[in-house]
N, C-alpha and C. Protein backbone atom coordinates (compact mmCIF):
# COMPACT_ATOMS: atom_id res chain seq x y z
N UNK A 1 24.70 3.91 -18.06
CA UNK A 1 23.98 4.52 -16.96
C UNK A 1 22.49 4.50 -17.27
N UNK A 2 21.69 4.16 -16.28
CA UNK A 2 20.24 4.10 -16.43
C UNK A 2 19.67 5.51 -16.59
N UNK A 3 18.94 5.71 -17.66
CA UNK A 3 18.23 6.98 -17.86
C UNK A 3 16.94 6.93 -17.05
N UNK A 4 16.54 8.06 -16.50
CA UNK A 4 15.35 8.13 -15.65
C UNK A 4 14.25 8.95 -16.29
N UNK A 5 13.02 8.69 -15.85
CA UNK A 5 11.87 9.55 -16.18
C UNK A 5 11.19 9.88 -14.86
N UNK A 6 11.11 11.16 -14.53
CA UNK A 6 10.34 11.61 -13.38
C UNK A 6 8.92 11.86 -13.88
N UNK A 7 7.95 11.13 -13.33
CA UNK A 7 6.59 11.11 -13.88
C UNK A 7 5.61 11.76 -12.90
N UNK A 8 4.96 12.80 -13.38
CA UNK A 8 3.96 13.53 -12.59
C UNK A 8 2.59 12.87 -12.73
N UNK A 9 1.66 13.32 -11.91
CA UNK A 9 0.27 12.87 -11.98
C UNK A 9 -0.27 13.08 -13.39
N UNK A 10 -0.96 12.10 -13.91
CA UNK A 10 -1.49 12.18 -15.27
C UNK A 10 -2.50 13.32 -15.41
N UNK A 11 -2.51 13.95 -16.56
CA UNK A 11 -3.40 15.09 -16.81
C UNK A 11 -4.87 14.70 -16.68
N UNK A 12 -5.25 13.53 -17.18
CA UNK A 12 -6.66 13.14 -17.09
C UNK A 12 -7.11 13.05 -15.63
N UNK A 13 -6.25 12.57 -14.76
CA UNK A 13 -6.59 12.49 -13.34
C UNK A 13 -6.67 13.88 -12.74
N UNK A 14 -5.69 14.73 -13.04
CA UNK A 14 -5.69 16.10 -12.52
C UNK A 14 -6.93 16.86 -12.96
N UNK A 15 -7.28 16.77 -14.24
CA UNK A 15 -8.44 17.50 -14.76
C UNK A 15 -9.73 17.02 -14.10
N UNK A 16 -9.85 15.71 -13.91
CA UNK A 16 -11.05 15.18 -13.25
C UNK A 16 -11.16 15.73 -11.83
N UNK A 17 -10.07 15.73 -11.09
CA UNK A 17 -10.08 16.25 -9.73
C UNK A 17 -10.33 17.75 -9.70
N UNK A 18 -9.75 18.47 -10.65
CA UNK A 18 -9.98 19.92 -10.73
C UNK A 18 -11.43 20.23 -11.08
N UNK A 19 -12.12 19.27 -11.68
CA UNK A 19 -13.53 19.44 -12.03
C UNK A 19 -14.46 18.91 -10.95
N UNK A 20 -13.88 18.46 -9.82
CA UNK A 20 -14.70 18.03 -8.70
C UNK A 20 -14.91 16.54 -8.57
N UNK A 21 -14.21 15.74 -9.38
CA UNK A 21 -14.35 14.28 -9.25
C UNK A 21 -13.90 13.85 -7.86
N UNK A 22 -14.46 12.76 -7.36
CA UNK A 22 -14.07 12.31 -6.01
C UNK A 22 -12.63 11.83 -5.95
N UNK A 23 -12.02 12.01 -4.78
CA UNK A 23 -10.65 11.56 -4.57
C UNK A 23 -10.63 10.08 -4.19
N UNK A 24 -9.50 9.59 -3.75
CA UNK A 24 -9.35 8.17 -3.42
C UNK A 24 -10.22 7.74 -2.25
N UNK A 25 -10.70 8.69 -1.47
CA UNK A 25 -11.60 8.38 -0.36
C UNK A 25 -13.07 8.61 -0.73
N UNK A 26 -13.32 8.92 -2.01
CA UNK A 26 -14.69 9.15 -2.46
C UNK A 26 -15.25 10.50 -2.10
N UNK A 27 -14.39 11.43 -1.71
CA UNK A 27 -14.83 12.77 -1.33
C UNK A 27 -14.38 13.79 -2.37
N UNK A 28 -15.10 14.90 -2.51
CA UNK A 28 -14.63 15.93 -3.43
C UNK A 28 -13.36 16.59 -2.88
N UNK A 29 -12.45 17.02 -3.75
CA UNK A 29 -11.26 17.71 -3.28
C UNK A 29 -11.65 18.97 -2.49
N UNK A 30 -10.88 19.27 -1.46
CA UNK A 30 -11.10 20.47 -0.66
C UNK A 30 -10.45 21.65 -1.37
N UNK A 31 -11.13 22.78 -1.38
CA UNK A 31 -10.59 24.01 -1.97
C UNK A 31 -9.94 24.84 -0.86
N UNK A 32 -8.69 25.25 -1.09
CA UNK A 32 -7.94 26.06 -0.15
C UNK A 32 -7.18 27.13 -0.91
N UNK A 33 -6.54 28.01 -0.17
CA UNK A 33 -5.64 29.01 -0.73
C UNK A 33 -4.25 28.70 -0.21
N UNK A 34 -3.28 28.64 -1.12
CA UNK A 34 -1.90 28.34 -0.72
C UNK A 34 -1.39 29.44 0.20
N UNK A 35 -0.77 29.01 1.26
CA UNK A 35 -0.21 29.96 2.22
C UNK A 35 1.25 29.60 2.46
N UNK A 36 2.13 30.41 1.92
CA UNK A 36 3.56 30.17 2.09
C UNK A 36 4.07 29.03 1.25
N UNK A 37 5.19 28.48 1.65
CA UNK A 37 5.84 27.40 0.90
C UNK A 37 5.30 26.04 1.32
N UNK A 38 5.65 25.02 0.56
CA UNK A 38 5.28 23.66 0.91
C UNK A 38 4.01 23.16 0.28
N UNK A 39 3.49 23.89 -0.69
CA UNK A 39 2.27 23.48 -1.41
C UNK A 39 2.68 23.11 -2.83
N UNK A 40 3.08 21.88 -3.02
CA UNK A 40 3.64 21.44 -4.28
C UNK A 40 2.61 20.68 -5.11
N UNK A 41 2.39 21.13 -6.32
CA UNK A 41 1.41 20.52 -7.22
C UNK A 41 2.00 19.24 -7.82
N UNK A 42 1.27 18.14 -7.72
CA UNK A 42 1.76 16.86 -8.22
C UNK A 42 1.56 16.69 -9.72
N UNK A 43 0.91 17.65 -10.37
CA UNK A 43 0.71 17.58 -11.82
C UNK A 43 1.81 18.34 -12.57
N UNK A 44 2.10 19.56 -12.15
CA UNK A 44 3.14 20.34 -12.84
C UNK A 44 4.48 20.26 -12.13
N UNK A 45 4.51 19.69 -10.92
CA UNK A 45 5.71 19.58 -10.10
C UNK A 45 6.38 20.93 -9.89
N UNK A 46 5.55 21.91 -9.58
CA UNK A 46 6.04 23.22 -9.17
C UNK A 46 5.30 23.63 -7.89
N UNK A 47 5.87 24.59 -7.22
CA UNK A 47 5.27 25.12 -6.01
C UNK A 47 4.02 25.94 -6.39
N UNK A 48 2.95 25.76 -5.64
CA UNK A 48 1.74 26.57 -5.86
C UNK A 48 2.01 27.92 -5.20
N UNK A 49 1.84 28.99 -5.95
CA UNK A 49 2.18 30.33 -5.47
C UNK A 49 1.33 30.72 -4.26
N UNK A 50 1.96 31.44 -3.36
CA UNK A 50 1.28 31.96 -2.18
C UNK A 50 0.04 32.74 -2.63
N UNK A 51 -1.10 32.43 -2.05
CA UNK A 51 -2.35 33.11 -2.38
C UNK A 51 -3.13 32.50 -3.53
N UNK A 52 -2.55 31.51 -4.21
CA UNK A 52 -3.23 30.89 -5.35
C UNK A 52 -4.21 29.82 -4.86
N UNK A 53 -5.30 29.60 -5.61
CA UNK A 53 -6.23 28.54 -5.23
C UNK A 53 -5.61 27.17 -5.45
N UNK A 54 -5.88 26.26 -4.51
CA UNK A 54 -5.32 24.92 -4.61
C UNK A 54 -6.33 23.91 -4.09
N UNK A 55 -6.08 22.66 -4.42
CA UNK A 55 -6.90 21.55 -3.95
C UNK A 55 -6.08 20.67 -3.02
N UNK A 56 -6.74 20.16 -1.99
CA UNK A 56 -6.15 19.17 -1.10
C UNK A 56 -7.06 17.95 -1.19
N UNK A 57 -6.46 16.79 -1.43
CA UNK A 57 -7.26 15.59 -1.65
C UNK A 57 -6.48 14.34 -1.30
N UNK A 58 -7.20 13.25 -1.15
CA UNK A 58 -6.58 11.95 -0.92
C UNK A 58 -6.26 11.31 -2.26
N UNK A 59 -5.05 10.79 -2.38
CA UNK A 59 -4.61 10.18 -3.65
C UNK A 59 -4.02 8.80 -3.37
N UNK A 60 -4.31 7.86 -4.25
CA UNK A 60 -3.73 6.53 -4.23
C UNK A 60 -2.99 6.34 -5.54
N UNK A 61 -1.66 6.43 -5.54
CA UNK A 61 -0.91 6.35 -6.79
C UNK A 61 -0.73 4.93 -7.33
N UNK A 62 -1.79 4.17 -7.31
CA UNK A 62 -1.81 2.80 -7.79
C UNK A 62 -3.11 2.59 -8.56
N UNK A 63 -3.09 1.68 -9.51
CA UNK A 63 -4.29 1.38 -10.30
C UNK A 63 -5.39 0.77 -9.46
N UNK A 64 -5.04 -0.17 -8.59
CA UNK A 64 -6.03 -0.93 -7.83
C UNK A 64 -5.74 -0.86 -6.34
N UNK A 65 -6.78 -0.90 -5.51
CA UNK A 65 -6.53 -1.00 -4.07
C UNK A 65 -5.94 -2.37 -3.73
N UNK A 66 -5.02 -2.39 -2.84
CA UNK A 66 -4.39 -3.61 -2.34
C UNK A 66 -3.61 -3.19 -1.09
N UNK A 67 -3.12 -4.12 -0.31
CA UNK A 67 -2.50 -3.76 0.97
C UNK A 67 -1.36 -2.75 0.89
N UNK A 68 -0.62 -2.71 -0.22
CA UNK A 68 0.51 -1.79 -0.34
C UNK A 68 0.14 -0.49 -1.05
N UNK A 69 -1.11 -0.35 -1.44
CA UNK A 69 -1.56 0.84 -2.18
C UNK A 69 -1.94 1.93 -1.19
N UNK A 70 -0.94 2.64 -0.71
CA UNK A 70 -1.15 3.69 0.27
C UNK A 70 -1.98 4.84 -0.29
N UNK A 71 -2.81 5.39 0.56
CA UNK A 71 -3.59 6.58 0.25
C UNK A 71 -3.08 7.70 1.15
N UNK A 72 -2.85 8.86 0.55
CA UNK A 72 -2.38 9.99 1.36
C UNK A 72 -2.74 11.31 0.72
N UNK A 73 -2.51 12.39 1.44
CA UNK A 73 -2.87 13.71 0.93
C UNK A 73 -1.89 14.22 -0.11
N UNK A 74 -2.43 14.92 -1.11
CA UNK A 74 -1.60 15.64 -2.08
C UNK A 74 -2.25 16.99 -2.36
N UNK A 75 -1.47 17.87 -2.96
CA UNK A 75 -1.95 19.18 -3.40
C UNK A 75 -1.95 19.24 -4.92
N UNK A 76 -2.90 19.99 -5.45
CA UNK A 76 -2.95 20.29 -6.89
C UNK A 76 -3.33 21.75 -7.05
N UNK A 77 -2.86 22.36 -8.15
CA UNK A 77 -3.41 23.66 -8.52
C UNK A 77 -4.92 23.49 -8.72
N UNK A 78 -5.71 24.43 -8.26
CA UNK A 78 -7.15 24.37 -8.50
C UNK A 78 -7.45 24.69 -9.97
N UNK A 79 -6.61 25.50 -10.57
CA UNK A 79 -6.75 25.87 -11.98
C UNK A 79 -5.91 24.91 -12.82
N UNK A 80 -6.21 24.83 -14.09
CA UNK A 80 -5.43 23.97 -14.98
C UNK A 80 -3.98 24.44 -15.00
N UNK A 81 -3.07 23.49 -15.01
CA UNK A 81 -1.65 23.77 -15.15
C UNK A 81 -1.08 22.75 -16.13
N UNK A 82 0.06 23.07 -16.71
CA UNK A 82 0.69 22.16 -17.67
C UNK A 82 1.39 21.03 -16.92
N UNK A 83 1.24 19.83 -17.41
CA UNK A 83 1.87 18.67 -16.77
C UNK A 83 3.39 18.76 -16.91
N UNK A 84 4.08 18.33 -15.88
CA UNK A 84 5.53 18.29 -15.89
C UNK A 84 6.00 17.41 -17.05
N UNK A 85 6.94 17.92 -17.82
CA UNK A 85 7.51 17.16 -18.93
C UNK A 85 8.49 16.14 -18.36
N UNK A 86 8.28 14.87 -18.64
CA UNK A 86 9.12 13.81 -18.09
C UNK A 86 10.56 14.00 -18.56
N UNK A 87 11.44 14.10 -17.58
CA UNK A 87 12.85 14.33 -17.88
C UNK A 87 13.72 13.42 -17.06
N UNK A 88 15.00 13.38 -17.41
CA UNK A 88 15.99 12.57 -16.70
C UNK A 88 16.58 13.35 -15.53
N UNK A 89 16.21 14.61 -15.37
CA UNK A 89 16.75 15.43 -14.29
C UNK A 89 15.75 15.56 -13.16
N UNK A 90 16.27 15.75 -11.97
CA UNK A 90 15.42 15.95 -10.80
C UNK A 90 14.59 17.22 -11.01
N UNK A 91 13.27 17.15 -10.83
CA UNK A 91 12.44 18.36 -10.99
C UNK A 91 12.96 19.50 -10.12
N UNK A 92 12.98 20.70 -10.67
CA UNK A 92 13.52 21.86 -9.97
C UNK A 92 12.85 22.09 -8.62
N UNK A 93 11.57 21.72 -8.50
CA UNK A 93 10.85 21.91 -7.25
C UNK A 93 11.57 21.23 -6.09
N UNK A 94 12.19 20.10 -6.34
CA UNK A 94 12.84 19.35 -5.27
C UNK A 94 14.21 19.89 -4.89
N UNK A 95 14.82 20.68 -5.75
CA UNK A 95 16.20 21.08 -5.54
C UNK A 95 16.41 21.92 -4.28
N UNK A 96 15.39 22.61 -3.81
CA UNK A 96 15.51 23.40 -2.59
C UNK A 96 15.23 22.59 -1.33
N UNK A 97 14.85 21.34 -1.48
CA UNK A 97 14.54 20.49 -0.34
C UNK A 97 15.81 19.80 0.14
N UNK A 98 15.86 19.46 1.41
CA UNK A 98 17.04 18.81 1.96
C UNK A 98 17.11 17.33 1.58
N UNK A 99 15.97 16.64 1.68
CA UNK A 99 15.99 15.19 1.48
C UNK A 99 14.62 14.71 1.05
N UNK A 100 14.62 13.52 0.47
CA UNK A 100 13.40 12.88 0.02
C UNK A 100 13.47 11.39 0.34
N UNK A 101 12.32 10.78 0.43
CA UNK A 101 12.23 9.33 0.60
C UNK A 101 12.00 8.71 -0.77
N UNK A 102 12.78 7.70 -1.12
CA UNK A 102 12.50 6.93 -2.33
C UNK A 102 12.27 5.48 -1.91
N UNK A 103 11.37 4.82 -2.64
CA UNK A 103 11.03 3.43 -2.30
C UNK A 103 10.71 2.70 -3.60
N UNK A 104 11.29 1.52 -3.76
CA UNK A 104 11.09 0.72 -4.96
C UNK A 104 9.88 -0.18 -4.88
N UNK A 105 9.25 -0.39 -6.04
CA UNK A 105 8.08 -1.27 -6.17
C UNK A 105 8.34 -2.25 -7.30
N UNK A 106 7.80 -3.45 -7.15
CA UNK A 106 7.91 -4.47 -8.19
C UNK A 106 6.81 -4.34 -9.21
N UNK A 107 6.84 -5.20 -10.22
CA UNK A 107 5.82 -5.19 -11.26
C UNK A 107 4.43 -5.49 -10.70
N UNK A 108 4.37 -6.10 -9.52
CA UNK A 108 3.10 -6.41 -8.87
C UNK A 108 2.58 -5.26 -8.00
N UNK A 109 3.21 -4.09 -8.10
CA UNK A 109 2.85 -2.89 -7.33
C UNK A 109 3.03 -3.07 -5.83
N UNK A 110 3.89 -3.97 -5.43
CA UNK A 110 4.19 -4.21 -4.02
C UNK A 110 5.55 -3.62 -3.70
N UNK A 111 5.71 -3.13 -2.46
CA UNK A 111 6.99 -2.60 -2.02
C UNK A 111 8.04 -3.69 -2.11
N UNK A 112 9.19 -3.35 -2.64
CA UNK A 112 10.33 -4.25 -2.62
C UNK A 112 11.06 -3.94 -1.31
N UNK A 113 10.96 -4.86 -0.37
CA UNK A 113 11.52 -4.62 0.96
C UNK A 113 13.01 -4.34 0.90
N UNK A 114 13.42 -3.41 1.73
CA UNK A 114 14.82 -3.01 1.79
C UNK A 114 15.18 -1.89 0.86
N UNK A 115 14.21 -1.38 0.07
CA UNK A 115 14.54 -0.31 -0.88
C UNK A 115 14.24 1.08 -0.33
N UNK A 116 13.47 1.19 0.73
CA UNK A 116 13.15 2.51 1.27
C UNK A 116 14.39 3.21 1.77
N UNK A 117 14.60 4.44 1.28
CA UNK A 117 15.83 5.15 1.62
C UNK A 117 15.56 6.66 1.61
N UNK A 118 15.98 7.33 2.67
CA UNK A 118 15.93 8.79 2.69
C UNK A 118 17.27 9.28 2.16
N UNK A 119 17.19 10.07 1.09
CA UNK A 119 18.42 10.52 0.42
C UNK A 119 18.45 12.05 0.33
N UNK A 120 19.64 12.63 0.39
CA UNK A 120 19.75 14.06 0.12
C UNK A 120 19.27 14.33 -1.31
N UNK A 121 18.59 15.43 -1.49
CA UNK A 121 18.01 15.72 -2.80
C UNK A 121 19.06 15.73 -3.91
N UNK A 122 20.27 16.20 -3.60
CA UNK A 122 21.29 16.24 -4.64
C UNK A 122 21.81 14.85 -5.00
N UNK A 123 21.39 13.82 -4.25
CA UNK A 123 21.82 12.44 -4.54
C UNK A 123 20.67 11.58 -5.07
N UNK A 124 19.49 12.15 -5.27
CA UNK A 124 18.33 11.34 -5.62
C UNK A 124 18.48 10.64 -6.97
N UNK A 125 19.03 11.32 -7.97
CA UNK A 125 19.15 10.69 -9.29
C UNK A 125 20.07 9.47 -9.22
N UNK A 126 21.20 9.58 -8.56
CA UNK A 126 22.11 8.45 -8.44
C UNK A 126 21.51 7.30 -7.65
N UNK A 127 20.83 7.64 -6.56
CA UNK A 127 20.18 6.60 -5.74
C UNK A 127 19.08 5.91 -6.53
N UNK A 128 18.32 6.67 -7.32
CA UNK A 128 17.26 6.08 -8.15
C UNK A 128 17.86 5.18 -9.22
N UNK A 129 18.95 5.61 -9.84
CA UNK A 129 19.60 4.76 -10.85
C UNK A 129 20.07 3.45 -10.23
N UNK A 130 20.67 3.55 -9.05
CA UNK A 130 21.13 2.33 -8.37
C UNK A 130 19.96 1.41 -8.06
N UNK A 131 18.86 1.98 -7.57
CA UNK A 131 17.70 1.17 -7.20
C UNK A 131 17.08 0.53 -8.44
N UNK A 132 16.97 1.28 -9.53
CA UNK A 132 16.38 0.75 -10.75
C UNK A 132 17.29 -0.24 -11.46
N UNK A 133 18.54 -0.33 -11.05
CA UNK A 133 19.44 -1.34 -11.62
C UNK A 133 19.09 -2.73 -11.10
N UNK A 134 18.32 -2.79 -10.04
CA UNK A 134 17.88 -4.08 -9.49
C UNK A 134 16.80 -4.67 -10.39
N UNK A 135 16.86 -5.96 -10.63
CA UNK A 135 15.87 -6.63 -11.48
C UNK A 135 14.48 -6.66 -10.85
N UNK A 136 14.41 -6.62 -9.53
CA UNK A 136 13.11 -6.72 -8.86
C UNK A 136 12.41 -5.38 -8.67
N UNK A 137 13.04 -4.27 -9.07
CA UNK A 137 12.43 -2.94 -8.93
C UNK A 137 11.98 -2.47 -10.31
N UNK A 138 10.67 -2.22 -10.43
CA UNK A 138 10.08 -1.76 -11.70
C UNK A 138 9.97 -0.24 -11.74
N UNK A 139 9.65 0.36 -10.60
CA UNK A 139 9.53 1.81 -10.51
C UNK A 139 9.75 2.24 -9.07
N UNK A 140 9.86 3.54 -8.89
CA UNK A 140 10.15 4.14 -7.58
C UNK A 140 9.11 5.21 -7.28
N UNK A 141 8.70 5.30 -6.04
CA UNK A 141 7.93 6.46 -5.58
C UNK A 141 8.87 7.41 -4.88
N UNK A 142 8.68 8.69 -5.16
CA UNK A 142 9.37 9.75 -4.44
C UNK A 142 8.34 10.31 -3.47
N UNK A 143 8.72 10.40 -2.20
CA UNK A 143 7.83 10.88 -1.14
C UNK A 143 8.58 11.87 -0.28
N UNK A 144 7.82 12.72 0.41
CA UNK A 144 8.48 13.65 1.33
C UNK A 144 9.10 12.83 2.46
N UNK A 145 10.28 13.23 2.87
CA UNK A 145 10.99 12.50 3.92
C UNK A 145 10.34 12.69 5.28
N UNK A 146 9.68 13.81 5.49
CA UNK A 146 9.12 14.08 6.81
C UNK A 146 7.68 13.60 6.98
N UNK A 147 6.88 13.66 5.93
CA UNK A 147 5.46 13.32 6.06
C UNK A 147 5.02 12.13 5.20
N UNK A 148 5.93 11.57 4.40
CA UNK A 148 5.64 10.42 3.56
C UNK A 148 4.63 10.71 2.45
N UNK A 149 4.39 11.98 2.13
CA UNK A 149 3.43 12.33 1.08
C UNK A 149 4.01 12.00 -0.29
N UNK A 150 3.19 11.38 -1.13
CA UNK A 150 3.58 11.03 -2.50
C UNK A 150 3.89 12.30 -3.29
N UNK A 151 5.01 12.26 -4.03
CA UNK A 151 5.41 13.40 -4.87
C UNK A 151 5.33 13.08 -6.35
N UNK A 152 6.02 12.01 -6.77
CA UNK A 152 6.03 11.61 -8.16
C UNK A 152 6.58 10.19 -8.25
N UNK A 153 6.68 9.71 -9.46
CA UNK A 153 7.16 8.35 -9.73
C UNK A 153 8.41 8.45 -10.61
N UNK A 154 9.33 7.54 -10.42
CA UNK A 154 10.50 7.47 -11.29
C UNK A 154 10.52 6.10 -11.96
N UNK A 155 10.75 6.10 -13.27
CA UNK A 155 10.88 4.87 -14.03
C UNK A 155 12.14 4.94 -14.89
N UNK A 156 12.51 3.81 -15.45
CA UNK A 156 13.58 3.80 -16.43
C UNK A 156 13.07 4.46 -17.70
N UNK A 157 13.92 5.23 -18.34
CA UNK A 157 13.51 5.91 -19.60
C UNK A 157 13.53 4.92 -20.74
């Protein structure tokens, strides 16, 4: 069975953004206060507590711009938080969600057509293992099923 690694936003990127570095659109992150649920930090992969300071910014989860390098909004804790420890289990933050979108990418950072799939959260690990069993899939993006927002990356362990 394929072992997985759920990979959060790198600490160096999070710290730069928390210090005011420009986002993928060249703008400083916006400062907000978390209100209710649905404010998930892409660095620690936990929910940002109601009333806590948070950042909203544009993120491109790819090294280089190219046609498949989507840019979209993400949330981060405004304060430093510990990075999610890469594990083979689905991050607890996702367990209360109904479904997620997973999509495979090749070594060239291009979408592998036909891999996009909305899966129930309790089936994400199995679906990711099946997708990563393909020779043409190097890694997977996990995105929200309703808004397509980037959540994290899955790779083979």
